[in-house]
Amino acid sequence: MIKINLAREGRAVRGAGAAPAAAAGVPTTGGANLNNVLIAGLTIIGLLVAAGYWFWQKRERDERRETIVLREAEAKKLESIIAEVEDYQRRKDSLQNRIDLINQLKLNQKGPVRIMDQISRDLPDLVWLDSMTINSGRVTIGGRGLNPNAIALFIENVKNDPYFEEPTVGAVTQVSVTPQVYSFDMNFAFTYTAKGSAVDPAAATTTATTTTATATQ
């Protein structure tokens, strides 16, 4: 009697049918898993790139903010320094103005004294002054003398004085006969700095005295 194993033959038939199906390109479960892995990997990579870009942008913003804060602090510091410099400059200008004012006052006080000293040096014997005014850098003199030669000597001394300019002389008029007295007036500009080659006032006085003595004889 012959026995046939139908179950084994059925499995063989099913196995023979699966091979042609795989050869025909029917997708299997392993291929689907590979695609899922690729998609997941690409998604993770994209997320990592996006996160890295976000962190890079955040760091750039933070650095810019820190730079702005530092520059604002430097600007405030510079503003305070500039304010101190401006205050120092104002105080310096105020002090300089005070110094200039004091020097000018000293010069104004010294000026008339210096002018009177120079005129007294230039004034010869036999000549005296009745009036003297100083205004706007000019000296106006009115005086008298016992003879025209002494008055002419005084005018010449003023002309040669390094601190006086060329004098403008008015008329010399006889105002008295006994004794003979002559009046005169003149005006000239003055300077606080000697002009040209300075003439020694003492020498001018000596010359004036000698000439006057000669004129009197």
N, C-alpha and C. Protein backbone atom coordinates (compact mmCIF):
# COMPACT_ATOMS: atom_id res chain seq x y z
N MET A 1 0.86 -1.18 0.00
CA MET A 1 0.00 0.00 0.00
C MET A 1 0.90 1.23 0.00
N ILE A 2 0.60 2.22 -0.85
CA ILE A 2 1.40 3.44 -1.06
C ILE A 2 0.79 4.59 -0.26
N LYS A 3 1.73 5.36 0.57
CA LYS A 3 1.29 6.52 1.38
C LYS A 3 1.91 7.78 0.84
N ILE A 4 1.18 8.84 0.74
CA ILE A 4 1.66 10.14 0.19
C ILE A 4 1.52 11.19 1.28
N ASN A 5 2.62 11.98 1.54
CA ASN A 5 2.64 13.06 2.56
C ASN A 5 2.19 14.34 1.87
N LEU A 6 0.93 14.63 2.01
CA LEU A 6 0.36 15.81 1.32
C LEU A 6 0.79 17.10 2.00
N ALA A 7 0.99 17.15 3.30
CA ALA A 7 1.38 18.41 4.00
C ALA A 7 2.73 18.88 3.54
N ARG A 8 3.71 17.96 3.38
CA ARG A 8 5.05 18.37 2.94
C ARG A 8 5.01 18.86 1.52
N GLU A 9 4.25 18.22 0.73
CA GLU A 9 4.16 18.63 -0.66
C GLU A 9 3.49 19.99 -0.78
N GLY A 10 2.50 20.26 0.11
CA GLY A 10 1.83 21.57 0.09
C GLY A 10 2.79 22.69 0.46
N ARG A 11 3.66 22.43 1.43
CA ARG A 11 4.63 23.45 1.82
C ARG A 11 5.62 23.69 0.71
N ALA A 12 5.95 22.65 0.00
CA ALA A 12 6.88 22.79 -1.11
C ALA A 12 6.27 23.59 -2.21
N VAL A 13 4.99 23.40 -2.43
CA VAL A 13 4.32 24.15 -3.48
C VAL A 13 4.26 25.63 -3.12
N ARG A 14 3.96 25.93 -1.83
CA ARG A 14 3.89 27.34 -1.42
C ARG A 14 5.27 28.00 -1.50
N GLY A 15 6.30 27.25 -1.14
CA GLY A 15 7.66 27.80 -1.26
C GLY A 15 8.03 28.06 -2.68
N ALA A 16 7.66 27.25 -3.56
CA ALA A 16 7.96 27.44 -4.98
C ALA A 16 7.22 28.62 -5.53
N GLY A 17 6.09 28.97 -4.99
CA GLY A 17 5.32 30.10 -5.46
C GLY A 17 5.84 31.41 -4.92
N ALA A 18 6.51 31.41 -3.77
CA ALA A 18 7.02 32.65 -3.17
C ALA A 18 8.22 33.15 -3.90
N ALA A 19 9.04 32.28 -4.43
CA ALA A 19 10.26 32.71 -5.14
C ALA A 19 9.94 33.52 -6.35
N PRO A 20 9.02 33.11 -7.19
CA PRO A 20 8.69 33.96 -8.33
C PRO A 20 8.14 35.30 -7.90
N ALA A 21 7.43 35.35 -6.78
CA ALA A 21 6.87 36.63 -6.32
C ALA A 21 7.97 37.57 -5.93
N ALA A 22 9.00 37.05 -5.24
CA ALA A 22 10.13 37.91 -4.85
C ALA A 22 10.89 38.36 -6.07
N ALA A 23 11.02 37.44 -7.05
CA ALA A 23 11.71 37.81 -8.28
C ALA A 23 10.95 38.84 -9.05
N ALA A 24 9.68 38.91 -8.86
CA ALA A 24 8.86 39.87 -9.59
C ALA A 24 8.91 41.26 -8.98
N GLY A 25 9.64 41.49 -7.84
CA GLY A 25 9.82 42.82 -7.25
C GLY A 25 8.76 43.21 -6.28
N VAL A 26 8.09 42.31 -5.68
CA VAL A 26 7.07 42.62 -4.69
C VAL A 26 7.77 43.08 -3.43
N PRO A 27 7.46 44.23 -2.82
CA PRO A 27 8.15 44.75 -1.63
C PRO A 27 8.00 43.83 -0.47
N THR A 28 9.07 43.78 0.29
CA THR A 28 9.09 42.92 1.46
C THR A 28 9.11 43.78 2.70
N THR A 29 8.96 43.20 3.87
CA THR A 29 8.94 43.93 5.15
C THR A 29 10.30 44.52 5.47
N GLY A 30 11.40 43.89 5.13
CA GLY A 30 12.75 44.41 5.38
C GLY A 30 13.00 45.71 4.63
N GLY A 31 12.57 45.89 3.41
CA GLY A 31 12.74 47.13 2.66
C GLY A 31 11.99 48.28 3.28
N ALA A 32 10.83 48.05 3.78
CA ALA A 32 10.04 49.11 4.44
C ALA A 32 10.75 49.61 5.68
N ASN A 33 11.36 48.72 6.44
CA ASN A 33 12.09 49.14 7.64
C ASN A 33 13.29 50.01 7.28
N LEU A 34 13.99 49.66 6.20
CA LEU A 34 15.14 50.46 5.78
C LEU A 34 14.73 51.88 5.40
N ASN A 35 13.63 52.01 4.70
CA ASN A 35 13.14 53.36 4.34
C ASN A 35 12.78 54.18 5.58
N ASN A 36 12.16 53.53 6.53
CA ASN A 36 11.81 54.23 7.76
C ASN A 36 13.06 54.72 8.50
N VAL A 37 14.08 53.88 8.50
CA VAL A 37 15.33 54.26 9.17
C VAL A 37 15.96 55.47 8.47
N LEU A 38 15.97 55.44 7.11
CA LEU A 38 16.53 56.56 6.37
C LEU A 38 15.77 57.86 6.65
N ILE A 39 14.45 57.78 6.65
CA ILE A 39 13.64 58.97 6.90
C ILE A 39 13.89 59.51 8.31
N ALA A 40 13.95 58.61 9.26
CA ALA A 40 14.20 59.03 10.65
C ALA A 40 15.58 59.67 10.78
N GLY A 41 16.58 59.06 10.08
CA GLY A 41 17.93 59.62 10.15
C GLY A 41 18.00 61.02 9.55
N LEU A 42 17.38 61.17 8.38
CA LEU A 42 17.36 62.50 7.75
C LEU A 42 16.64 63.52 8.62
N THR A 43 15.55 63.10 9.27
CA THR A 43 14.81 64.01 10.14
C THR A 43 15.67 64.46 11.32
N ILE A 44 16.39 63.49 11.90
CA ILE A 44 17.26 63.82 13.04
C ILE A 44 18.38 64.77 12.61
N ILE A 45 18.95 64.47 11.43
CA ILE A 45 20.03 65.35 10.93
C ILE A 45 19.49 66.76 10.70
N GLY A 46 18.31 66.86 10.10
CA GLY A 46 17.71 68.18 9.87
C GLY A 46 17.47 68.92 11.17
N LEU A 47 16.97 68.16 12.18
CA LEU A 47 16.74 68.80 13.48
C LEU A 47 18.04 69.28 14.11
N LEU A 48 19.09 68.44 13.97
CA LEU A 48 20.39 68.84 14.51
C LEU A 48 20.94 70.07 13.81
N VAL A 49 20.80 70.13 12.48
CA VAL A 49 21.26 71.30 11.73
C VAL A 49 20.48 72.54 12.14
N ALA A 50 19.14 72.38 12.25
CA ALA A 50 18.32 73.52 12.64
C ALA A 50 18.68 73.99 14.06
N ALA A 51 18.90 73.03 14.96
CA ALA A 51 19.27 73.40 16.33
C ALA A 51 20.64 74.10 16.36
N GLY A 52 21.59 73.57 15.57
CA GLY A 52 22.90 74.22 15.51
C GLY A 52 22.82 75.63 14.95
N TYR A 53 22.04 75.80 13.90
CA TYR A 53 21.87 77.13 13.32
C TYR A 53 21.22 78.07 14.32
N TRP A 54 20.23 77.58 15.08
CA TRP A 54 19.55 78.42 16.06
C TRP A 54 20.52 78.85 17.16
N PHE A 55 21.32 77.88 17.64
CA PHE A 55 22.30 78.22 18.68
C PHE A 55 23.36 79.19 18.16
N TRP A 56 23.76 79.02 16.89
CA TRP A 56 24.75 79.94 16.30
C TRP A 56 24.18 81.35 16.19
N GLN A 57 22.92 81.46 15.75
CA GLN A 57 22.26 82.75 15.67
C GLN A 57 22.11 83.38 17.06
N LYS A 58 21.77 82.56 18.03
CA LYS A 58 21.62 83.07 19.39
C LYS A 58 22.95 83.60 19.93
N ARG A 59 24.01 82.87 19.66
CA ARG A 59 25.32 83.32 20.12
C ARG A 59 25.70 84.62 19.43
N GLU A 60 25.41 84.76 18.15
CA GLU A 60 25.70 86.00 17.43
C GLU A 60 24.92 87.16 18.04
N ARG A 61 23.63 86.94 18.34
CA ARG A 61 22.82 88.00 18.95
C ARG A 61 23.35 88.38 20.32
N ASP A 62 23.72 87.35 21.11
CA ASP A 62 24.27 87.63 22.44
C ASP A 62 25.57 88.42 22.35
N GLU A 63 26.44 88.07 21.40
CA GLU A 63 27.70 88.80 21.23
C GLU A 63 27.44 90.24 20.81
N ARG A 64 26.49 90.44 19.89
CA ARG A 64 26.15 91.80 19.48
C ARG A 64 25.59 92.61 20.64
N ARG A 65 24.75 91.98 21.46
CA ARG A 65 24.21 92.68 22.61
C ARG A 65 25.31 93.04 23.60
N GLU A 66 26.23 92.12 23.84
CA GLU A 66 27.35 92.43 24.74
C GLU A 66 28.20 93.57 24.19
N THR A 67 28.42 93.54 22.85
CA THR A 67 29.20 94.62 22.24
C THR A 67 28.48 95.96 22.40
N ILE A 68 27.16 95.97 22.20
CA ILE A 68 26.39 97.20 22.35
C ILE A 68 26.47 97.71 23.78
N VAL A 69 26.33 96.77 24.74
CA VAL A 69 26.40 97.17 26.15
C VAL A 69 27.78 97.76 26.48
N LEU A 70 28.85 97.12 25.99
CA LEU A 70 30.20 97.62 26.25
C LEU A 70 30.40 98.99 25.61
N ARG A 71 29.92 99.16 24.39
CA ARG A 71 30.09 100.45 23.71
C ARG A 71 29.28 101.54 24.40
N GLU A 72 28.08 101.19 24.87
CA GLU A 72 27.29 102.19 25.60
C GLU A 72 28.00 102.59 26.90
N ALA A 73 28.61 101.60 27.58
CA ALA A 73 29.36 101.93 28.80
C ALA A 73 30.55 102.82 28.49
N GLU A 74 31.27 102.50 27.39
CA GLU A 74 32.41 103.33 26.98
C GLU A 74 31.96 104.73 26.60
N ALA A 75 30.81 104.81 25.92
CA ALA A 75 30.29 106.12 25.52
C ALA A 75 29.95 106.96 26.76
N LYS A 76 29.32 106.34 27.76
CA LYS A 76 29.00 107.07 28.99
C LYS A 76 30.28 107.52 29.70
N LYS A 77 31.29 106.64 29.70
CA LYS A 77 32.56 107.00 30.33
C LYS A 77 33.21 108.16 29.59
N LEU A 78 33.18 108.09 28.25
CA LEU A 78 33.75 109.18 27.46
C LEU A 78 32.98 110.48 27.67
N GLU A 79 31.66 110.38 27.79
CA GLU A 79 30.86 111.57 28.03
C GLU A 79 31.25 112.24 29.36
N SER A 80 31.48 111.42 30.38
CA SER A 80 31.90 111.98 31.67
C SER A 80 33.27 112.62 31.56
N ILE A 81 34.18 111.97 30.80
CA ILE A 81 35.52 112.54 30.61
C ILE A 81 35.45 113.85 29.85
N ILE A 82 34.61 113.87 28.78
CA ILE A 82 34.45 115.10 27.99
C ILE A 82 33.88 116.21 28.86
N ALA A 83 32.91 115.86 29.72
CA ALA A 83 32.33 116.88 30.61
C ALA A 83 33.40 117.42 31.56
N GLU A 84 34.26 116.53 32.07
CA GLU A 84 35.33 116.99 32.97
C GLU A 84 36.31 117.90 32.23
N VAL A 85 36.64 117.51 30.98
CA VAL A 85 37.57 118.33 30.19
C VAL A 85 36.96 119.70 29.91
N GLU A 86 35.67 119.72 29.53
CA GLU A 86 35.01 120.99 29.26
C GLU A 86 34.96 121.86 30.52
N ASP A 87 34.68 121.24 31.67
CA ASP A 87 34.66 121.99 32.93
C ASP A 87 36.05 122.54 33.25
N TYR A 88 37.08 121.71 33.01
CA TYR A 88 38.45 122.17 33.24
C TYR A 88 38.80 123.32 32.30
N GLN A 89 38.35 123.21 31.04
CA GLN A 89 38.64 124.28 30.08
C GLN A 89 37.94 125.57 30.48
N ARG A 90 36.69 125.45 30.97
CA ARG A 90 35.97 126.64 31.42
C ARG A 90 36.68 127.28 32.61
N ARG A 91 37.11 126.45 33.56
CA ARG A 91 37.83 127.00 34.72
C ARG A 91 39.16 127.62 34.30
N LYS A 92 39.82 126.97 33.33
CA LYS A 92 41.09 127.51 32.84
C LYS A 92 40.87 128.86 32.16
N ASP A 93 39.84 128.95 31.31
CA ASP A 93 39.54 130.22 30.63
C ASP A 93 39.18 131.30 31.65
N SER A 94 38.37 130.92 32.66
CA SER A 94 38.00 131.90 33.68
C SER A 94 39.23 132.39 34.43
N LEU A 95 40.13 131.45 34.77
CA LEU A 95 41.35 131.83 35.48
C LEU A 95 42.24 132.71 34.61
N GLN A 96 42.33 132.35 33.31
CA GLN A 96 43.15 133.15 32.40
C GLN A 96 42.58 134.54 32.24
N ASN A 97 41.26 134.65 32.19
CA ASN A 97 40.63 135.98 32.09
C ASN A 97 40.94 136.80 33.33
N ARG A 98 40.92 136.16 34.49
CA ARG A 98 41.24 136.88 35.72
C ARG A 98 42.70 137.34 35.71
N ILE A 99 43.58 136.43 35.26
CA ILE A 99 45.00 136.79 35.19
C ILE A 99 45.21 137.95 34.23
N ASP A 100 44.56 137.87 33.05
CA ASP A 100 44.69 138.97 32.08
C ASP A 100 44.15 140.28 32.66
N LEU A 101 43.04 140.19 33.39
CA LEU A 101 42.46 141.40 33.99
C LEU A 101 43.41 141.99 35.04
N ILE A 102 43.98 141.11 35.86
CA ILE A 102 44.93 141.59 36.88
C ILE A 102 46.15 142.22 36.23
N ASN A 103 46.66 141.54 35.18
CA ASN A 103 47.83 142.11 34.48
C ASN A 103 47.50 143.46 33.84
N GLN A 104 46.28 143.55 33.29
CA GLN A 104 45.88 144.81 32.67
C GLN A 104 45.75 145.91 33.73
N LEU A 105 45.17 145.55 34.88
CA LEU A 105 45.06 146.54 35.95
C LEU A 105 46.44 146.97 36.44
N LYS A 106 47.35 146.00 36.57
CA LYS A 106 48.71 146.37 36.97
C LYS A 106 49.36 147.26 35.93
N LEU A 107 49.12 146.92 34.65
CA LEU A 107 49.69 147.73 33.58
C LEU A 107 49.11 149.13 33.58
N ASN A 108 47.78 149.20 33.82
CA ASN A 108 47.16 150.53 33.87
C ASN A 108 47.66 151.35 35.05
N GLN A 109 47.90 150.66 36.17
CA GLN A 109 48.44 151.37 37.32
C GLN A 109 49.90 151.78 37.09
N LYS A 110 50.61 150.91 36.41
CA LYS A 110 52.03 151.18 36.17
C LYS A 110 52.22 152.22 35.08
N GLY A 111 51.26 152.27 34.12
CA GLY A 111 51.42 153.16 32.97
C GLY A 111 51.60 154.61 33.34
N PRO A 112 50.66 155.23 34.05
CA PRO A 112 50.83 156.64 34.39
C PRO A 112 52.10 156.91 35.19
N VAL A 113 52.44 155.98 36.11
CA VAL A 113 53.67 156.17 36.89
C VAL A 113 54.88 156.14 35.97
N ARG A 114 54.88 155.18 35.02
CA ARG A 114 56.01 155.09 34.09
C ARG A 114 56.08 156.33 33.20
N ILE A 115 54.94 156.81 32.76
CA ILE A 115 54.92 158.00 31.89
C ILE A 115 55.42 159.23 32.65
N MET A 116 54.94 159.39 33.86
CA MET A 116 55.38 160.55 34.65
C MET A 116 56.86 160.47 34.94
N ASP A 117 57.36 159.25 35.18
CA ASP A 117 58.79 159.09 35.43
C ASP A 117 59.60 159.46 34.19
N GLN A 118 59.13 158.99 33.01
CA GLN A 118 59.85 159.32 31.77
C GLN A 118 59.81 160.83 31.50
N ILE A 119 58.66 161.43 31.71
CA ILE A 119 58.55 162.87 31.46
C ILE A 119 59.45 163.66 32.42
N SER A 120 59.48 163.20 33.68
CA SER A 120 60.36 163.90 34.63
C SER A 120 61.82 163.77 34.24
N ARG A 121 62.18 162.64 33.62
CA ARG A 121 63.55 162.47 33.14
C ARG A 121 63.83 163.41 31.95
N ASP A 122 62.81 163.57 31.10
CA ASP A 122 63.00 164.40 29.90
C ASP A 122 62.88 165.90 30.20
N LEU A 123 62.30 166.24 31.34
CA LEU A 123 62.03 167.64 31.64
C LEU A 123 63.32 168.35 32.08
N PRO A 124 63.78 169.35 31.32
CA PRO A 124 65.00 170.07 31.70
C PRO A 124 64.72 171.16 32.74
N ASP A 125 65.79 171.76 33.19
CA ASP A 125 65.62 172.91 34.09
C ASP A 125 64.95 174.06 33.33
N LEU A 126 64.37 174.96 34.07
CA LEU A 126 63.74 176.17 33.56
C LEU A 126 62.42 175.88 32.84
N VAL A 127 61.96 174.63 32.92
CA VAL A 127 60.68 174.25 32.31
C VAL A 127 59.87 173.51 33.36
N TRP A 128 58.60 173.80 33.48
CA TRP A 128 57.72 173.10 34.40
C TRP A 128 56.37 172.88 33.74
N LEU A 129 55.61 171.95 34.28
CA LEU A 129 54.32 171.57 33.69
C LEU A 129 53.17 172.15 34.52
N ASP A 130 52.17 172.61 33.81
CA ASP A 130 50.95 173.08 34.45
C ASP A 130 49.85 172.03 34.44
N SER A 131 49.84 171.18 33.41
CA SER A 131 48.79 170.16 33.30
C SER A 131 49.32 168.99 32.48
N MET A 132 48.75 167.82 32.75
CA MET A 132 49.07 166.62 31.95
C MET A 132 47.88 165.67 32.02
N THR A 133 47.41 165.23 30.88
CA THR A 133 46.31 164.27 30.81
C THR A 133 46.73 163.08 29.96
N ILE A 134 46.24 161.91 30.33
CA ILE A 134 46.51 160.68 29.60
C ILE A 134 45.18 160.08 29.18
N ASN A 135 45.00 159.91 27.88
CA ASN A 135 43.72 159.43 27.38
C ASN A 135 43.94 158.68 26.07
N SER A 136 43.45 157.43 26.03
CA SER A 136 43.49 156.61 24.80
C SER A 136 44.91 156.51 24.24
N GLY A 137 45.87 156.30 25.13
CA GLY A 137 47.23 156.09 24.67
C GLY A 137 47.98 157.33 24.25
N ARG A 138 47.42 158.50 24.55
CA ARG A 138 48.09 159.74 24.22
C ARG A 138 48.23 160.61 25.47
N VAL A 139 49.32 161.39 25.48
CA VAL A 139 49.61 162.29 26.59
C VAL A 139 49.50 163.73 26.07
N THR A 140 48.77 164.54 26.79
CA THR A 140 48.64 165.97 26.45
C THR A 140 49.24 166.78 27.59
N ILE A 141 50.18 167.66 27.23
CA ILE A 141 50.93 168.43 28.23
C ILE A 141 50.75 169.92 27.98
N GLY A 142 50.57 170.65 29.04
CA GLY A 142 50.59 172.11 28.99
C GLY A 142 51.58 172.60 30.04
N GLY A 143 52.49 173.49 29.63
CA GLY A 143 53.50 173.93 30.58
C GLY A 143 54.06 175.29 30.24
N ARG A 144 55.06 175.67 31.02
CA ARG A 144 55.71 176.96 30.80
C ARG A 144 57.22 176.81 30.98
N GLY A 145 57.94 177.76 30.40
CA GLY A 145 59.39 177.78 30.51
C GLY A 145 59.90 179.20 30.53
N LEU A 146 61.15 179.34 31.05
CA LEU A 146 61.71 180.69 31.16
C LEU A 146 62.36 181.16 29.87
N ASN A 147 62.60 180.26 28.91
CA ASN A 147 63.10 180.70 27.61
C ASN A 147 62.73 179.66 26.56
N PRO A 148 62.61 180.07 25.30
CA PRO A 148 62.21 179.14 24.23
C PRO A 148 63.20 178.01 24.04
N ASN A 149 64.52 178.24 24.31
CA ASN A 149 65.51 177.18 24.13
C ASN A 149 65.26 176.01 25.09
N ALA A 150 64.89 176.30 26.32
CA ALA A 150 64.60 175.23 27.28
C ALA A 150 63.36 174.44 26.84
N ILE A 151 62.36 175.15 26.35
CA ILE A 151 61.16 174.46 25.86
C ILE A 151 61.50 173.58 24.65
N ALA A 152 62.33 174.10 23.73
CA ALA A 152 62.73 173.32 22.57
C ALA A 152 63.52 172.08 22.99
N LEU A 153 64.36 172.21 24.04
CA LEU A 153 65.11 171.07 24.54
C LEU A 153 64.17 170.00 25.10
N PHE A 154 63.14 170.44 25.82
CA PHE A 154 62.18 169.48 26.35
C PHE A 154 61.47 168.73 25.22
N ILE A 155 61.08 169.47 24.19
CA ILE A 155 60.42 168.84 23.03
C ILE A 155 61.35 167.84 22.37
N GLU A 156 62.62 168.17 22.25
CA GLU A 156 63.60 167.28 21.63
C GLU A 156 63.81 166.02 22.48
N ASN A 157 63.83 166.20 23.80
CA ASN A 157 63.98 165.05 24.68
C ASN A 157 62.80 164.09 24.55
N VAL A 158 61.58 164.63 24.47
CA VAL A 158 60.40 163.79 24.28
C VAL A 158 60.47 163.06 22.94
N LYS A 159 60.93 163.76 21.91
CA LYS A 159 61.05 163.16 20.58
C LYS A 159 62.02 162.00 20.58
N ASN A 160 63.11 162.11 21.34
CA ASN A 160 64.14 161.06 21.37
C ASN A 160 63.87 159.99 22.41
N ASP A 161 62.85 160.16 23.21
CA ASP A 161 62.54 159.17 24.24
C ASP A 161 62.02 157.89 23.58
N PRO A 162 62.58 156.72 23.94
CA PRO A 162 62.16 155.47 23.27
C PRO A 162 60.73 155.06 23.59
N TYR A 163 60.13 155.65 24.62
CA TYR A 163 58.76 155.27 25.00
C TYR A 163 57.72 156.25 24.48
N PHE A 164 58.14 157.30 23.78
CA PHE A 164 57.21 158.30 23.26
C PHE A 164 57.33 158.38 21.75
N GLU A 165 56.20 158.69 21.10
CA GLU A 165 56.19 158.88 19.66
C GLU A 165 56.49 160.36 19.33
N GLU A 166 56.54 160.66 18.04
CA GLU A 166 56.81 162.03 17.59
C GLU A 166 55.75 162.98 18.17
N PRO A 167 56.17 164.01 18.93
CA PRO A 167 55.18 164.90 19.54
C PRO A 167 54.60 165.91 18.56
N THR A 168 53.38 166.32 18.80
CA THR A 168 52.74 167.40 18.07
C THR A 168 52.74 168.64 18.98
N VAL A 169 53.42 169.69 18.53
CA VAL A 169 53.65 170.86 19.39
C VAL A 169 52.75 172.01 18.94
N GLY A 170 52.13 172.66 19.92
CA GLY A 170 51.35 173.86 19.62
C GLY A 170 52.23 175.10 19.61
N ALA A 171 51.64 176.25 19.68
CA ALA A 171 52.40 177.51 19.65
C ALA A 171 53.08 177.75 20.99
N VAL A 172 54.28 178.30 20.90
CA VAL A 172 55.01 178.76 22.09
C VAL A 172 54.76 180.26 22.22
N THR A 173 54.11 180.66 23.31
CA THR A 173 53.65 182.05 23.45
C THR A 173 54.24 182.67 24.71
N GLN A 174 54.68 183.90 24.59
CA GLN A 174 55.19 184.62 25.76
C GLN A 174 54.01 185.13 26.57
N VAL A 175 53.99 184.78 27.85
CA VAL A 175 52.87 185.16 28.71
C VAL A 175 53.29 186.17 29.78
N SER A 176 54.58 186.41 29.92
CA SER A 176 55.05 187.37 30.92
C SER A 176 56.36 187.98 30.43
N VAL A 177 56.55 189.27 30.75
CA VAL A 177 57.74 189.98 30.31
C VAL A 177 58.79 190.01 31.43
N THR A 178 58.38 190.31 32.64
CA THR A 178 59.31 190.36 33.76
C THR A 178 58.75 189.50 34.89
N PRO A 179 59.30 188.31 35.12
CA PRO A 179 60.34 187.71 34.27
C PRO A 179 59.73 187.17 32.99
N GLN A 180 60.57 186.88 32.03
CA GLN A 180 60.09 186.33 30.77
C GLN A 180 59.63 184.88 30.97
N VAL A 181 58.38 184.64 30.64
CA VAL A 181 57.79 183.29 30.76
C VAL A 181 57.05 182.98 29.47
N TYR A 182 57.27 181.75 29.00
CA TYR A 182 56.64 181.31 27.75
C TYR A 182 55.79 180.07 28.05
N SER A 183 54.63 180.04 27.47
CA SER A 183 53.74 178.87 27.62
C SER A 183 53.79 178.03 26.35
N PHE A 184 53.50 176.75 26.50
CA PHE A 184 53.50 175.82 25.35
C PHE A 184 52.54 174.68 25.66
N ASP A 185 52.21 173.94 24.62
CA ASP A 185 51.42 172.71 24.79
C ASP A 185 51.81 171.74 23.68
N MET A 186 51.71 170.46 23.97
CA MET A 186 52.01 169.43 22.98
C MET A 186 51.35 168.12 23.42
N ASN A 187 51.23 167.20 22.48
CA ASN A 187 50.68 165.87 22.78
C ASN A 187 51.43 164.83 21.97
N PHE A 188 51.46 163.62 22.49
CA PHE A 188 52.20 162.53 21.83
C PHE A 188 51.66 161.20 22.35
N ALA A 189 51.91 160.18 21.57
CA ALA A 189 51.52 158.82 21.96
C ALA A 189 52.65 158.18 22.75
N PHE A 190 52.30 157.18 23.54
CA PHE A 190 53.31 156.49 24.33
C PHE A 190 53.14 154.98 24.17
N THR A 191 54.21 154.25 24.49
CA THR A 191 54.20 152.79 24.42
C THR A 191 54.91 152.25 25.64
N TYR A 192 54.54 151.02 26.03
CA TYR A 192 55.17 150.41 27.19
C TYR A 192 56.45 149.67 26.82
N THR A 193 56.68 149.52 25.54
CA THR A 193 57.89 148.84 25.06
C THR A 193 58.74 149.85 24.31
N ALA A 194 60.02 149.87 24.64
CA ALA A 194 60.92 150.83 24.00
C ALA A 194 60.98 150.57 22.51
N LYS A 195 60.96 151.62 21.73
CA LYS A 195 61.01 151.51 20.27
C LYS A 195 62.45 151.63 19.79
N GLY A 196 62.78 150.88 18.74
CA GLY A 196 64.11 150.98 18.13
C GLY A 196 65.21 150.72 19.12
N SER A 197 66.28 151.49 19.04
CA SER A 197 67.38 151.40 19.98
C SER A 197 67.06 152.28 21.16
N ALA A 198 66.96 151.64 22.33
CA ALA A 198 66.54 152.37 23.53
C ALA A 198 67.59 153.38 23.93
N VAL A 199 67.12 154.53 24.32
CA VAL A 199 68.00 155.59 24.81
C VAL A 199 67.95 155.59 26.32
N ASP A 200 69.10 155.64 26.97
CA ASP A 200 69.15 155.62 28.41
C ASP A 200 68.54 156.90 28.96
N PRO A 201 67.46 156.82 29.75
CA PRO A 201 66.82 158.03 30.28
C PRO A 201 67.78 158.86 31.12
N ALA A 202 68.67 158.20 31.86
CA ALA A 202 69.61 158.95 32.68
C ALA A 202 70.54 159.77 31.80
N ALA A 203 70.97 159.17 30.67
CA ALA A 203 71.84 159.90 29.75
C ALA A 203 71.09 161.07 29.13
N ALA A 204 69.79 160.86 28.82
CA ALA A 204 69.00 161.95 28.24
C ALA A 204 68.87 163.10 29.23
N THR A 205 68.71 162.75 30.53
CA THR A 205 68.59 163.80 31.54
C THR A 205 69.89 164.58 31.68
N THR A 206 71.01 163.83 31.63
CA THR A 206 72.31 164.49 31.72
C THR A 206 72.53 165.44 30.57
N THR A 207 72.17 164.97 29.36
CA THR A 207 72.31 165.81 28.17
C THR A 207 71.43 167.04 28.27
N ALA A 208 70.19 166.83 28.76
CA ALA A 208 69.26 167.95 28.90
C ALA A 208 69.80 168.98 29.87
N THR A 209 70.36 168.53 30.98
CA THR A 209 70.89 169.46 31.97
C THR A 209 72.06 170.26 31.42
N THR A 210 72.98 169.55 30.70
CA THR A 210 74.14 170.20 30.14
C THR A 210 73.74 171.24 29.11
N THR A 211 72.78 170.87 28.23
CA THR A 211 72.36 171.79 27.19
C THR A 211 71.65 173.01 27.79
N THR A 212 70.85 172.77 28.84
CA THR A 212 70.17 173.88 29.47
C THR A 212 71.14 174.85 30.09
N ALA A 213 72.18 174.29 30.73
CA ALA A 213 73.17 175.16 31.32
C ALA A 213 73.86 176.02 30.27
N THR A 214 74.14 175.39 29.11
CA THR A 214 74.77 176.12 28.03
C THR A 214 73.84 177.22 27.50
N ALA A 215 72.54 176.88 27.36
CA ALA A 215 71.58 177.86 26.86
C ALA A 215 71.43 179.01 27.84
N THR A 216 71.50 178.72 29.15
CA THR A 216 71.35 179.79 30.13
C THR A 216 72.51 180.76 30.10
N GLN A 217 73.73 180.21 29.95
CA GLN A 217 74.90 181.07 29.83
C GLN A 217 74.78 181.96 28.59
